[in-house]
Amino acid sequence: MKTATASKRFIPHSLLEDVLAIVTGTLLVSLGVALFNQAGLLTGGTAGLAFLLHYTTGWSFGTVFFLINLPFYWLAWKRMGWRFTLKTFCAVALVSVFSSLHPRLLHLTTITALTPFYVALTGGLMMGVGFIVLFRHQASLGGINILALYMQEKHGIRAGKLQMGVDFIIVLASLAVVTPMALLASVLGAFALNLAISLNHRPGRYMAM
């Protein structure tokens, strides 16, 4: 009886823990984004839309990503609460800043035929881990992430599965922007990202508060 009662108890994250987690998660995600950008790849969600606009218009990815997410904060505020919304706003802002900073410090100097696939796998997994860190501290990166978390919370639909479906649609719609080889690598990256989320962020399991 004591074991069952103790298992239901949880200790909320402190402010410092939330700050460190948000910085860690956004660093991982933004590094993956920077690698994708240098390899000419795409991803899904609002980041995928930001990549499309970035590649077609030349606008900064960070700026486009920040602006695309603005309409989704209303849903976050209404459905997920002000704490989630504030954390998400901070996370989006940090990814926007970090994704512009990384290219100044990190460059892919040698590009081979396998580089896009290596970047897709490692960058996708890196972003997936970053998302998990944010999710477990009640934050996201806006857009589809907010919808996915809401659907998981209210209807039990796994966030990773919903995100994966939307991501593949966005990636396939990007054929006019990237080469078929880059598109194939991007699909691998989307699969790796969402596999990490689906396996490690599930209702009733691995759900820290």
N, C-alpha and C. Protein backbone atom coordinates (compact mmCIF):
# COMPACT_ATOMS: atom_id res chain seq x y z
N MET A 1 0.84 -1.21 0.00
CA MET A 1 0.00 0.00 0.00
C MET A 1 0.87 1.26 0.00
N LYS A 2 1.93 1.21 0.81
CA LYS A 2 2.82 2.36 0.87
C LYS A 2 3.54 2.54 -0.45
N THR A 3 3.90 1.41 -1.07
CA THR A 3 4.60 1.49 -2.36
C THR A 3 3.72 2.11 -3.42
N ALA A 4 2.43 1.71 -3.45
CA ALA A 4 1.50 2.27 -4.44
C ALA A 4 1.30 3.75 -4.20
N THR A 5 1.20 4.14 -2.91
CA THR A 5 1.01 5.56 -2.60
C THR A 5 2.22 6.37 -2.98
N ALA A 6 3.40 5.82 -2.67
CA ALA A 6 4.64 6.54 -2.97
C ALA A 6 4.84 6.72 -4.46
N SER A 7 4.38 5.68 -5.24
CA SER A 7 4.57 5.76 -6.69
C SER A 7 3.76 6.86 -7.32
N LYS A 8 2.70 7.30 -6.63
CA LYS A 8 1.85 8.33 -7.17
C LYS A 8 2.37 9.74 -6.84
N ARG A 9 3.33 9.78 -5.93
CA ARG A 9 3.86 11.08 -5.54
C ARG A 9 4.88 11.55 -6.56
N PHE A 10 4.96 12.82 -6.73
CA PHE A 10 5.99 13.37 -7.60
C PHE A 10 6.43 14.70 -7.04
N ILE A 11 7.66 15.05 -7.34
CA ILE A 11 8.23 16.33 -6.90
C ILE A 11 8.30 17.25 -8.10
N PRO A 12 7.57 18.36 -8.09
CA PRO A 12 7.60 19.28 -9.24
C PRO A 12 9.01 19.80 -9.51
N HIS A 13 9.29 20.07 -10.78
CA HIS A 13 10.58 20.65 -11.12
C HIS A 13 10.71 22.05 -10.54
N SER A 14 11.90 22.37 -10.10
CA SER A 14 12.16 23.72 -9.61
C SER A 14 12.35 24.66 -10.80
N LEU A 15 12.36 25.95 -10.51
CA LEU A 15 12.58 26.94 -11.57
C LEU A 15 13.94 26.74 -12.23
N LEU A 16 14.96 26.48 -11.43
CA LEU A 16 16.30 26.26 -11.99
C LEU A 16 16.32 25.03 -12.89
N GLU A 17 15.66 23.96 -12.46
CA GLU A 17 15.60 22.75 -13.28
C GLU A 17 14.90 23.01 -14.59
N ASP A 18 13.81 23.78 -14.56
CA ASP A 18 13.10 24.12 -15.80
C ASP A 18 13.98 24.95 -16.72
N VAL A 19 14.68 25.92 -16.17
CA VAL A 19 15.55 26.78 -17.00
C VAL A 19 16.65 25.96 -17.65
N LEU A 20 17.32 25.13 -16.86
CA LEU A 20 18.41 24.31 -17.40
C LEU A 20 17.90 23.33 -18.46
N ALA A 21 16.72 22.76 -18.22
CA ALA A 21 16.15 21.81 -19.17
C ALA A 21 15.77 22.50 -20.48
N ILE A 22 15.18 23.67 -20.39
CA ILE A 22 14.78 24.39 -21.60
C ILE A 22 16.00 24.81 -22.42
N VAL A 23 17.05 25.25 -21.74
CA VAL A 23 18.28 25.61 -22.45
C VAL A 23 18.89 24.37 -23.10
N THR A 24 18.94 23.26 -22.35
CA THR A 24 19.50 22.02 -22.89
C THR A 24 18.69 21.51 -24.09
N GLY A 25 17.38 21.46 -23.93
CA GLY A 25 16.52 20.98 -25.01
C GLY A 25 16.62 21.83 -26.26
N THR A 26 16.62 23.14 -26.09
CA THR A 26 16.68 24.02 -27.26
C THR A 26 18.06 24.00 -27.92
N LEU A 27 19.11 23.79 -27.14
CA LEU A 27 20.44 23.66 -27.74
C LEU A 27 20.51 22.42 -28.62
N LEU A 28 19.96 21.30 -28.14
CA LEU A 28 19.97 20.07 -28.92
C LEU A 28 19.14 20.22 -30.20
N VAL A 29 17.94 20.77 -30.07
CA VAL A 29 17.08 20.94 -31.23
C VAL A 29 17.70 21.89 -32.24
N SER A 30 18.20 23.02 -31.77
CA SER A 30 18.76 24.02 -32.68
C SER A 30 20.04 23.53 -33.36
N LEU A 31 20.81 22.68 -32.67
CA LEU A 31 22.00 22.10 -33.31
C LEU A 31 21.59 21.15 -34.42
N GLY A 32 20.55 20.35 -34.16
CA GLY A 32 20.04 19.50 -35.22
C GLY A 32 19.52 20.30 -36.40
N VAL A 33 18.82 21.39 -36.12
CA VAL A 33 18.32 22.28 -37.17
C VAL A 33 19.48 22.86 -37.98
N ALA A 34 20.54 23.27 -37.31
CA ALA A 34 21.69 23.85 -38.00
C ALA A 34 22.35 22.83 -38.92
N LEU A 35 22.45 21.59 -38.46
CA LEU A 35 23.03 20.53 -39.29
C LEU A 35 22.14 20.25 -40.50
N PHE A 36 20.83 20.21 -40.29
CA PHE A 36 19.90 20.02 -41.41
C PHE A 36 20.05 21.14 -42.42
N ASN A 37 20.17 22.35 -41.94
CA ASN A 37 20.27 23.52 -42.81
C ASN A 37 21.52 23.45 -43.68
N GLN A 38 22.65 23.08 -43.07
CA GLN A 38 23.90 23.01 -43.82
C GLN A 38 23.89 21.88 -44.84
N ALA A 39 23.15 20.81 -44.55
CA ALA A 39 23.07 19.68 -45.48
C ALA A 39 21.94 19.84 -46.49
N GLY A 40 21.17 20.94 -46.38
CA GLY A 40 20.08 21.18 -47.32
C GLY A 40 18.88 20.27 -47.10
N LEU A 41 18.64 19.85 -45.85
CA LEU A 41 17.54 18.96 -45.54
C LEU A 41 16.36 19.72 -44.96
N LEU A 42 15.26 19.01 -44.79
CA LEU A 42 14.06 19.57 -44.21
C LEU A 42 13.59 18.68 -43.07
N THR A 43 12.72 19.22 -42.27
CA THR A 43 12.08 18.43 -41.23
C THR A 43 10.60 18.74 -41.25
N GLY A 44 9.86 18.27 -40.27
CA GLY A 44 8.42 18.48 -40.28
C GLY A 44 7.99 19.57 -39.32
N GLY A 45 6.67 19.64 -39.10
CA GLY A 45 6.12 20.62 -38.16
C GLY A 45 6.35 22.06 -38.60
N THR A 46 6.27 22.95 -37.63
CA THR A 46 6.49 24.36 -37.94
C THR A 46 7.93 24.62 -38.38
N ALA A 47 8.86 23.80 -37.89
CA ALA A 47 10.25 23.93 -38.34
C ALA A 47 10.35 23.61 -39.83
N GLY A 48 9.57 22.61 -40.28
CA GLY A 48 9.56 22.28 -41.70
C GLY A 48 9.02 23.41 -42.55
N LEU A 49 7.96 24.05 -42.08
CA LEU A 49 7.42 25.20 -42.80
C LEU A 49 8.43 26.35 -42.83
N ALA A 50 9.14 26.51 -41.70
CA ALA A 50 10.16 27.56 -41.64
C ALA A 50 11.29 27.26 -42.62
N PHE A 51 11.68 25.99 -42.73
CA PHE A 51 12.71 25.61 -43.69
C PHE A 51 12.26 25.92 -45.11
N LEU A 52 11.01 25.60 -45.43
CA LEU A 52 10.50 25.87 -46.78
C LEU A 52 10.61 27.35 -47.13
N LEU A 53 10.16 28.19 -46.21
CA LEU A 53 10.23 29.63 -46.45
C LEU A 53 11.68 30.11 -46.49
N HIS A 54 12.51 29.53 -45.66
CA HIS A 54 13.93 29.90 -45.63
C HIS A 54 14.60 29.58 -46.96
N TYR A 55 14.34 28.37 -47.49
CA TYR A 55 14.97 27.96 -48.74
C TYR A 55 14.43 28.73 -49.95
N THR A 56 13.14 29.07 -49.93
CA THR A 56 12.53 29.71 -51.09
C THR A 56 12.69 31.23 -51.09
N THR A 57 12.81 31.83 -49.91
CA THR A 57 12.88 33.29 -49.83
C THR A 57 14.24 33.82 -49.39
N GLY A 58 15.03 32.96 -48.74
CA GLY A 58 16.31 33.42 -48.22
C GLY A 58 16.22 34.12 -46.87
N TRP A 59 15.01 34.20 -46.32
CA TRP A 59 14.85 34.80 -45.00
C TRP A 59 15.52 33.92 -43.94
N SER A 60 15.91 34.53 -42.84
CA SER A 60 16.53 33.80 -41.75
C SER A 60 15.58 32.74 -41.20
N PHE A 61 16.09 31.52 -41.01
CA PHE A 61 15.27 30.46 -40.44
C PHE A 61 14.75 30.86 -39.07
N GLY A 62 15.62 31.41 -38.23
CA GLY A 62 15.22 31.78 -36.88
C GLY A 62 14.06 32.76 -36.86
N THR A 63 14.12 33.76 -37.72
CA THR A 63 13.06 34.76 -37.78
C THR A 63 11.75 34.14 -38.25
N VAL A 64 11.81 33.35 -39.31
CA VAL A 64 10.61 32.72 -39.85
C VAL A 64 10.00 31.76 -38.83
N PHE A 65 10.84 30.98 -38.17
CA PHE A 65 10.37 30.02 -37.18
C PHE A 65 9.66 30.72 -36.03
N PHE A 66 10.21 31.82 -35.58
CA PHE A 66 9.60 32.57 -34.48
C PHE A 66 8.24 33.12 -34.89
N LEU A 67 8.14 33.68 -36.10
CA LEU A 67 6.90 34.30 -36.55
C LEU A 67 5.80 33.26 -36.82
N ILE A 68 6.18 32.11 -37.40
CA ILE A 68 5.19 31.08 -37.70
C ILE A 68 4.50 30.58 -36.43
N ASN A 69 5.22 30.56 -35.35
CA ASN A 69 4.68 30.02 -34.11
C ASN A 69 3.72 30.96 -33.38
N LEU A 70 3.71 32.21 -33.72
CA LEU A 70 2.90 33.18 -32.99
C LEU A 70 1.42 32.81 -32.90
N PRO A 71 0.76 32.36 -34.00
CA PRO A 71 -0.67 32.04 -33.90
C PRO A 71 -1.00 30.88 -32.96
N PHE A 72 -0.03 30.01 -32.70
CA PHE A 72 -0.31 28.81 -31.91
C PHE A 72 -0.30 29.07 -30.41
N TYR A 73 0.17 30.22 -29.99
CA TYR A 73 0.23 30.49 -28.56
C TYR A 73 -1.18 30.65 -27.97
N TRP A 74 -2.13 31.05 -28.78
CA TRP A 74 -3.51 31.18 -28.28
C TRP A 74 -4.03 29.81 -27.86
N LEU A 75 -3.80 28.78 -28.72
CA LEU A 75 -4.23 27.42 -28.37
C LEU A 75 -3.49 26.94 -27.13
N ALA A 76 -2.21 27.23 -27.05
CA ALA A 76 -1.43 26.80 -25.89
C ALA A 76 -1.97 27.44 -24.62
N TRP A 77 -2.26 28.74 -24.68
CA TRP A 77 -2.77 29.45 -23.50
C TRP A 77 -4.14 28.92 -23.09
N LYS A 78 -5.00 28.68 -24.07
CA LYS A 78 -6.36 28.24 -23.79
C LYS A 78 -6.42 26.81 -23.31
N ARG A 79 -5.62 25.94 -23.90
CA ARG A 79 -5.74 24.51 -23.62
C ARG A 79 -4.69 23.99 -22.63
N MET A 80 -3.51 24.57 -22.61
CA MET A 80 -2.42 24.03 -21.81
C MET A 80 -2.01 24.89 -20.62
N GLY A 81 -2.53 26.13 -20.54
CA GLY A 81 -2.22 26.97 -19.39
C GLY A 81 -1.09 27.95 -19.65
N TRP A 82 -1.00 28.95 -18.77
CA TRP A 82 -0.03 30.02 -19.00
C TRP A 82 1.41 29.57 -18.76
N ARG A 83 1.63 28.62 -17.84
CA ARG A 83 3.00 28.15 -17.59
C ARG A 83 3.57 27.45 -18.83
N PHE A 84 2.76 26.56 -19.39
CA PHE A 84 3.18 25.87 -20.61
C PHE A 84 3.44 26.87 -21.73
N THR A 85 2.55 27.85 -21.87
CA THR A 85 2.68 28.84 -22.94
C THR A 85 3.94 29.67 -22.77
N LEU A 86 4.22 30.09 -21.55
CA LEU A 86 5.42 30.90 -21.30
C LEU A 86 6.69 30.10 -21.57
N LYS A 87 6.72 28.85 -21.10
CA LYS A 87 7.89 28.01 -21.35
C LYS A 87 8.08 27.76 -22.85
N THR A 88 6.97 27.54 -23.54
CA THR A 88 7.05 27.30 -24.98
C THR A 88 7.53 28.53 -25.73
N PHE A 89 7.04 29.69 -25.34
CA PHE A 89 7.49 30.94 -25.97
C PHE A 89 9.00 31.10 -25.80
N CYS A 90 9.50 30.84 -24.59
CA CYS A 90 10.93 30.96 -24.32
C CYS A 90 11.72 29.94 -25.14
N ALA A 91 11.19 28.71 -25.25
CA ALA A 91 11.87 27.67 -26.01
C ALA A 91 11.95 28.03 -27.49
N VAL A 92 10.86 28.52 -28.05
CA VAL A 92 10.86 28.92 -29.46
C VAL A 92 11.85 30.05 -29.70
N ALA A 93 11.86 31.03 -28.80
CA ALA A 93 12.77 32.16 -28.94
C ALA A 93 14.22 31.69 -28.88
N LEU A 94 14.53 30.77 -27.97
CA LEU A 94 15.91 30.27 -27.85
C LEU A 94 16.33 29.49 -29.09
N VAL A 95 15.44 28.65 -29.62
CA VAL A 95 15.77 27.91 -30.84
C VAL A 95 16.02 28.88 -32.00
N SER A 96 15.22 29.94 -32.07
CA SER A 96 15.39 30.94 -33.12
C SER A 96 16.76 31.60 -33.03
N VAL A 97 17.19 31.90 -31.80
CA VAL A 97 18.49 32.55 -31.59
C VAL A 97 19.63 31.55 -31.81
N PHE A 98 19.53 30.39 -31.19
CA PHE A 98 20.61 29.39 -31.30
C PHE A 98 20.80 28.91 -32.73
N SER A 99 19.71 28.74 -33.47
CA SER A 99 19.82 28.24 -34.85
C SER A 99 20.55 29.24 -35.74
N SER A 100 20.52 30.51 -35.38
CA SER A 100 21.28 31.53 -36.12
C SER A 100 22.72 31.61 -35.64
N LEU A 101 22.97 31.18 -34.40
CA LEU A 101 24.31 31.26 -33.82
C LEU A 101 25.18 30.07 -34.23
N HIS A 102 24.60 28.88 -34.29
CA HIS A 102 25.39 27.67 -34.58
C HIS A 102 26.17 27.75 -35.89
N PRO A 103 25.57 28.23 -37.01
CA PRO A 103 26.32 28.25 -38.27
C PRO A 103 27.60 29.09 -38.21
N ARG A 104 27.67 30.03 -37.28
CA ARG A 104 28.88 30.85 -37.14
C ARG A 104 30.00 30.10 -36.42
N LEU A 105 29.62 29.02 -35.71
CA LEU A 105 30.59 28.29 -34.91
C LEU A 105 30.83 26.88 -35.43
N LEU A 106 29.93 26.34 -36.24
CA LEU A 106 30.01 24.96 -36.68
C LEU A 106 29.75 24.88 -38.18
N HIS A 107 30.64 24.19 -38.91
CA HIS A 107 30.48 24.07 -40.36
C HIS A 107 30.78 22.64 -40.79
N LEU A 108 30.01 22.14 -41.75
CA LEU A 108 30.31 20.86 -42.38
C LEU A 108 31.31 21.13 -43.50
N THR A 109 32.56 20.79 -43.27
CA THR A 109 33.61 21.15 -44.23
C THR A 109 33.69 20.17 -45.40
N THR A 110 33.34 18.91 -45.18
CA THR A 110 33.41 17.90 -46.23
C THR A 110 32.04 17.28 -46.44
N ILE A 111 31.52 17.40 -47.66
CA ILE A 111 30.21 16.85 -47.99
C ILE A 111 30.39 15.66 -48.92
N THR A 112 29.90 14.49 -48.53
CA THR A 112 29.95 13.29 -49.37
C THR A 112 28.52 12.85 -49.69
N ALA A 113 28.41 11.78 -50.46
CA ALA A 113 27.08 11.28 -50.84
C ALA A 113 26.30 10.80 -49.62
N LEU A 114 27.01 10.34 -48.60
CA LEU A 114 26.34 9.81 -47.41
C LEU A 114 26.09 10.88 -46.34
N THR A 115 26.67 12.06 -46.51
CA THR A 115 26.53 13.09 -45.49
C THR A 115 25.07 13.42 -45.16
N PRO A 116 24.18 13.62 -46.16
CA PRO A 116 22.79 13.94 -45.83
C PRO A 116 22.12 12.88 -44.96
N PHE A 117 22.44 11.61 -45.21
CA PHE A 117 21.82 10.53 -44.44
C PHE A 117 22.39 10.46 -43.03
N TYR A 118 23.68 10.73 -42.91
CA TYR A 118 24.29 10.76 -41.58
C TYR A 118 23.72 11.92 -40.78
N VAL A 119 23.62 13.10 -41.41
CA VAL A 119 23.06 14.27 -40.74
C VAL A 119 21.60 14.03 -40.38
N ALA A 120 20.85 13.39 -41.29
CA ALA A 120 19.43 13.14 -41.04
C ALA A 120 19.24 12.24 -39.82
N LEU A 121 20.05 11.19 -39.72
CA LEU A 121 19.91 10.25 -38.61
C LEU A 121 20.36 10.88 -37.30
N THR A 122 21.57 11.42 -37.27
CA THR A 122 22.09 11.99 -36.02
C THR A 122 21.35 13.26 -35.63
N GLY A 123 21.09 14.13 -36.60
CA GLY A 123 20.37 15.36 -36.30
C GLY A 123 18.93 15.08 -35.88
N GLY A 124 18.29 14.11 -36.54
CA GLY A 124 16.92 13.77 -36.18
C GLY A 124 16.82 13.24 -34.76
N LEU A 125 17.72 12.31 -34.41
CA LEU A 125 17.73 11.78 -33.06
C LEU A 125 18.06 12.87 -32.03
N MET A 126 18.97 13.75 -32.39
CA MET A 126 19.33 14.84 -31.50
C MET A 126 18.13 15.75 -31.22
N MET A 127 17.40 16.08 -32.27
CA MET A 127 16.21 16.92 -32.09
C MET A 127 15.14 16.18 -31.30
N GLY A 128 14.99 14.87 -31.55
CA GLY A 128 14.02 14.08 -30.80
C GLY A 128 14.30 14.10 -29.31
N VAL A 129 15.56 13.93 -28.93
CA VAL A 129 15.94 13.98 -27.52
C VAL A 129 15.68 15.37 -26.95
N GLY A 130 15.97 16.40 -27.74
CA GLY A 130 15.69 17.76 -27.29
C GLY A 130 14.22 17.99 -27.03
N PHE A 131 13.36 17.47 -27.91
CA PHE A 131 11.91 17.58 -27.72
C PHE A 131 11.48 16.88 -26.44
N ILE A 132 12.04 15.69 -26.18
CA ILE A 132 11.66 14.95 -24.99
C ILE A 132 12.01 15.74 -23.73
N VAL A 133 13.19 16.33 -23.71
CA VAL A 133 13.59 17.15 -22.56
C VAL A 133 12.58 18.27 -22.34
N LEU A 134 12.17 18.93 -23.42
CA LEU A 134 11.20 20.02 -23.30
C LEU A 134 9.84 19.51 -22.85
N PHE A 135 9.39 18.41 -23.45
CA PHE A 135 8.09 17.84 -23.09
C PHE A 135 8.03 17.51 -21.60
N ARG A 136 9.11 16.93 -21.07
CA ARG A 136 9.10 16.51 -19.67
C ARG A 136 9.17 17.68 -18.70
N HIS A 137 9.41 18.84 -19.22
CA HIS A 137 9.37 20.05 -18.38
C HIS A 137 8.21 20.95 -18.81
N GLN A 138 7.19 20.32 -19.37
CA GLN A 138 5.96 21.02 -19.73
C GLN A 138 6.20 22.20 -20.66
N ALA A 139 6.97 21.94 -21.71
CA ALA A 139 7.23 22.95 -22.74
C ALA A 139 7.25 22.25 -24.09
N SER A 140 7.19 23.02 -25.16
CA SER A 140 7.28 22.46 -26.50
C SER A 140 7.91 23.51 -27.40
N LEU A 141 7.87 23.26 -28.70
CA LEU A 141 8.38 24.24 -29.66
C LEU A 141 7.25 24.76 -30.54
N GLY A 142 6.07 24.84 -29.95
CA GLY A 142 4.95 25.49 -30.63
C GLY A 142 4.37 24.66 -31.77
N GLY A 143 3.47 25.31 -32.51
CA GLY A 143 2.91 24.71 -33.70
C GLY A 143 2.32 23.33 -33.50
N ILE A 144 2.78 22.38 -34.33
CA ILE A 144 2.27 21.02 -34.29
C ILE A 144 2.57 20.36 -32.96
N ASN A 145 3.67 20.74 -32.31
CA ASN A 145 3.99 20.18 -31.00
C ASN A 145 2.88 20.45 -30.00
N ILE A 146 2.35 21.67 -30.02
CA ILE A 146 1.26 22.02 -29.11
C ILE A 146 0.04 21.16 -29.39
N LEU A 147 -0.30 21.03 -30.68
CA LEU A 147 -1.45 20.20 -31.06
C LEU A 147 -1.24 18.75 -30.67
N ALA A 148 -0.01 18.23 -30.88
CA ALA A 148 0.29 16.84 -30.55
C ALA A 148 0.19 16.58 -29.06
N LEU A 149 0.73 17.49 -28.25
CA LEU A 149 0.66 17.33 -26.79
C LEU A 149 -0.78 17.44 -26.30
N TYR A 150 -1.54 18.34 -26.90
CA TYR A 150 -2.94 18.50 -26.51
C TYR A 150 -3.74 17.24 -26.82
N MET A 151 -3.53 16.67 -28.01
CA MET A 151 -4.25 15.46 -28.41
C MET A 151 -3.85 14.27 -27.54
N GLN A 152 -2.59 14.22 -27.15
CA GLN A 152 -2.15 13.13 -26.28
C GLN A 152 -2.77 13.26 -24.90
N GLU A 153 -2.80 14.48 -24.39
CA GLU A 153 -3.34 14.71 -23.05
C GLU A 153 -4.84 14.47 -22.99
N LYS A 154 -5.57 14.93 -24.01
CA LYS A 154 -7.02 14.86 -23.99
C LYS A 154 -7.60 13.57 -24.56
N HIS A 155 -6.92 12.99 -25.56
CA HIS A 155 -7.50 11.85 -26.26
C HIS A 155 -6.61 10.61 -26.28
N GLY A 156 -5.45 10.68 -25.65
CA GLY A 156 -4.58 9.52 -25.57
C GLY A 156 -3.86 9.16 -26.85
N ILE A 157 -3.86 10.06 -27.83
CA ILE A 157 -3.15 9.81 -29.08
C ILE A 157 -1.68 10.15 -28.87
N ARG A 158 -0.79 9.20 -29.15
CA ARG A 158 0.62 9.45 -28.92
C ARG A 158 1.11 10.66 -29.69
N ALA A 159 1.83 11.52 -28.99
CA ALA A 159 2.35 12.73 -29.62
C ALA A 159 3.28 12.38 -30.78
N GLY A 160 4.11 11.35 -30.59
CA GLY A 160 5.06 10.98 -31.63
C GLY A 160 4.39 10.51 -32.90
N LYS A 161 3.31 9.71 -32.77
CA LYS A 161 2.62 9.20 -33.96
C LYS A 161 1.93 10.31 -34.73
N LEU A 162 1.25 11.21 -34.01
CA LEU A 162 0.58 12.32 -34.69
C LEU A 162 1.59 13.22 -35.37
N GLN A 163 2.67 13.52 -34.67
CA GLN A 163 3.72 14.37 -35.24
C GLN A 163 4.35 13.72 -36.46
N MET A 164 4.54 12.40 -36.39
CA MET A 164 5.16 11.69 -37.50
C MET A 164 4.31 11.79 -38.76
N GLY A 165 2.99 11.63 -38.63
CA GLY A 165 2.11 11.72 -39.78
C GLY A 165 2.15 13.09 -40.43
N VAL A 166 2.08 14.13 -39.61
CA VAL A 166 2.12 15.49 -40.14
C VAL A 166 3.47 15.79 -40.77
N ASP A 167 4.54 15.31 -40.13
CA ASP A 167 5.89 15.58 -40.63
C ASP A 167 6.11 14.98 -42.02
N PHE A 168 5.65 13.76 -42.22
CA PHE A 168 5.85 13.13 -43.52
C PHE A 168 5.10 13.88 -44.62
N ILE A 169 3.93 14.40 -44.30
CA ILE A 169 3.17 15.18 -45.28
C ILE A 169 3.94 16.44 -45.68
N ILE A 170 4.49 17.12 -44.68
CA ILE A 170 5.24 18.35 -44.95
C ILE A 170 6.51 18.05 -45.75
N VAL A 171 7.22 16.99 -45.36
CA VAL A 171 8.45 16.64 -46.05
C VAL A 171 8.17 16.27 -47.50
N LEU A 172 7.12 15.48 -47.75
CA LEU A 172 6.79 15.10 -49.12
C LEU A 172 6.37 16.29 -49.96
N ALA A 173 5.74 17.28 -49.31
CA ALA A 173 5.33 18.49 -50.03
C ALA A 173 6.52 19.37 -50.39
N SER A 174 7.70 19.00 -49.90
CA SER A 174 8.89 19.82 -50.12
C SER A 174 9.69 19.39 -51.35
N LEU A 175 9.16 18.46 -52.13
CA LEU A 175 9.89 17.93 -53.27
C LEU A 175 10.28 19.03 -54.26
N ALA A 176 9.47 20.08 -54.35
CA ALA A 176 9.77 21.15 -55.30
C ALA A 176 10.94 22.02 -54.84
N VAL A 177 11.34 21.86 -53.59
CA VAL A 177 12.38 22.73 -53.02
C VAL A 177 13.72 22.02 -52.92
N VAL A 178 13.72 20.72 -52.63
CA VAL A 178 14.96 19.98 -52.44
C VAL A 178 15.06 18.86 -53.46
N THR A 179 16.25 18.29 -53.58
CA THR A 179 16.48 17.19 -54.52
C THR A 179 15.84 15.90 -53.97
N PRO A 180 15.57 14.93 -54.84
CA PRO A 180 15.01 13.66 -54.35
C PRO A 180 15.89 13.00 -53.29
N MET A 181 17.22 13.10 -53.44
CA MET A 181 18.13 12.51 -52.46
C MET A 181 18.00 13.19 -51.11
N ALA A 182 17.92 14.54 -51.13
CA ALA A 182 17.75 15.28 -49.89
C ALA A 182 16.39 14.99 -49.26
N LEU A 183 15.38 14.80 -50.12
CA LEU A 183 14.06 14.48 -49.61
C LEU A 183 14.07 13.12 -48.92
N LEU A 184 14.75 12.14 -49.52
CA LEU A 184 14.83 10.81 -48.93
C LEU A 184 15.54 10.88 -47.58
N ALA A 185 16.61 11.64 -47.52
CA ALA A 185 17.33 11.81 -46.25
C ALA A 185 16.44 12.52 -45.23
N SER A 186 15.65 13.49 -45.68
CA SER A 186 14.77 14.23 -44.78
C SER A 186 13.70 13.32 -44.18
N VAL A 187 13.20 12.38 -44.99
CA VAL A 187 12.22 11.40 -44.48
C VAL A 187 12.86 10.55 -43.39
N LEU A 188 14.11 10.15 -43.59
CA LEU A 188 14.84 9.39 -42.58
C LEU A 188 14.98 10.22 -41.30
N GLY A 189 15.29 11.51 -41.46
CA GLY A 189 15.43 12.37 -40.30
C GLY A 189 14.13 12.54 -39.54
N ALA A 190 13.01 12.69 -40.26
CA ALA A 190 11.71 12.81 -39.62
C ALA A 190 11.35 11.54 -38.87
N PHE A 191 11.69 10.39 -39.48
CA PHE A 191 11.40 9.12 -38.82
C PHE A 191 12.22 8.97 -37.54
N ALA A 192 13.52 9.31 -37.60
CA ALA A 192 14.38 9.20 -36.43
C ALA A 192 13.91 10.12 -35.31
N LEU A 193 13.55 11.36 -35.66
CA LEU A 193 13.08 12.31 -34.67
C LEU A 193 11.84 11.80 -33.95
N ASN A 194 10.87 11.38 -34.71
CA ASN A 194 9.59 10.99 -34.11
C ASN A 194 9.65 9.61 -33.48
N LEU A 195 10.55 8.76 -33.92
CA LEU A 195 10.74 7.47 -33.25
C LEU A 195 11.26 7.70 -31.84
N ALA A 196 12.20 8.62 -31.70
CA ALA A 196 12.73 8.93 -30.37
C ALA A 196 11.63 9.44 -29.45
N ILE A 197 10.76 10.29 -29.98
CA ILE A 197 9.65 10.82 -29.17
C ILE A 197 8.64 9.73 -28.84
N SER A 198 8.28 8.94 -29.85
CA SER A 198 7.25 7.92 -29.66
C SER A 198 7.68 6.87 -28.64
N LEU A 199 8.95 6.50 -28.62
CA LEU A 199 9.43 5.47 -27.71
C LEU A 199 9.64 5.98 -26.29
N ASN A 200 9.86 7.26 -26.14
CA ASN A 200 10.26 7.80 -24.85
C ASN A 200 9.28 8.80 -24.23
N HIS A 201 8.17 9.08 -24.91
CA HIS A 201 7.18 10.00 -24.35
C HIS A 201 5.80 9.42 -24.65
N ARG A 202 5.32 8.57 -23.72
CA ARG A 202 4.08 7.84 -23.95
C ARG A 202 3.16 8.00 -22.75
N PRO A 203 1.84 8.02 -22.98
CA PRO A 203 0.90 8.14 -21.87
C PRO A 203 1.09 7.01 -20.86
N GLY A 204 1.24 7.38 -19.59
CA GLY A 204 1.41 6.40 -18.54
C GLY A 204 2.83 5.92 -18.33
N ARG A 205 3.76 6.34 -19.23
CA ARG A 205 5.16 5.95 -19.11
C ARG A 205 6.06 7.11 -19.44
N TYR A 206 7.13 7.27 -18.69
CA TYR A 206 8.15 8.30 -18.95
C TYR A 206 7.58 9.71 -18.94
N MET A 207 6.51 9.94 -18.19
CA MET A 207 5.83 11.24 -18.23
C MET A 207 6.15 12.02 -16.96
N ALA A 208 7.32 12.66 -16.89
CA ALA A 208 7.68 13.47 -15.74
C ALA A 208 6.83 14.74 -15.70
N MET A 209 6.60 15.28 -14.51
CA MET A 209 5.79 16.48 -14.37
C MET A 209 6.68 17.65 -13.97
